[in-house]
Amino acid sequence: MRGAFRRRLLRASLLLLLPSIPVACGWHAGLAGPDPGSSVGVEVFHLRRDILERGLEPKLQAEVARALVDLVRAPIDSPRRADLIVRGEIVDVRRRQGIRSQENQLAETGLLISARASLVDRRSGEVLATSPLRHIWSGYATGEEAPENEAGARERALRHLAETLVLDLFRTGESRTSEGE
């Protein structure tokens, strides 16, 4: 009798606890894509002709693709086959003058990268969302002991810029199209 009571109590306890166990099958922590099942492609960003810094376009494309994988629930595909395409333009790249030592040696400086992007339906050509012009600064120390700091600052700026653009394009809300600056 005592064993039967314990079994019933254990079953009742398990039945009460079962609904509180979260189901993790298919769960994804990220922004929802515009339509379920839509694939997204990322075109190489265009670089304005007056910008002399070359090689940023494929790096920003790779960072935007990484941000899409991390933040959005949509499969990544080639821009030629994808349902939606991220198109963008790098508008400005600058270095700031920075901070100088008493000996007039550059001690710290920074890099600015400005870009904008659009989310386009590949079939119709309709622009579904547009990000505002985004400006990302990334500072770094200079000197003989830190020769790779500019490359690190460039990578940080591109990563932050890509994440910001993806969040702009895939955010939910009233209006997803923003006026450019």
Foldseek 3Di string as FASTA:
>chain_A
DVVVVVVVVVVVVCVVCVVVDDDDVPDAAAFEAPDPAFEEEEDFEAEDPVDPDPDVRVLLSVLLVVLCVNHYPHHYDHPVPTQKYKYKYWYDKDKAPADADPVRHHFKIKMKIKMKIFIAGSPPRDTQAIAAIDIFMFMFTDDPVCPCGHVVSSSVRSNVVSNVNVCLQRPDDDGSYDDYD
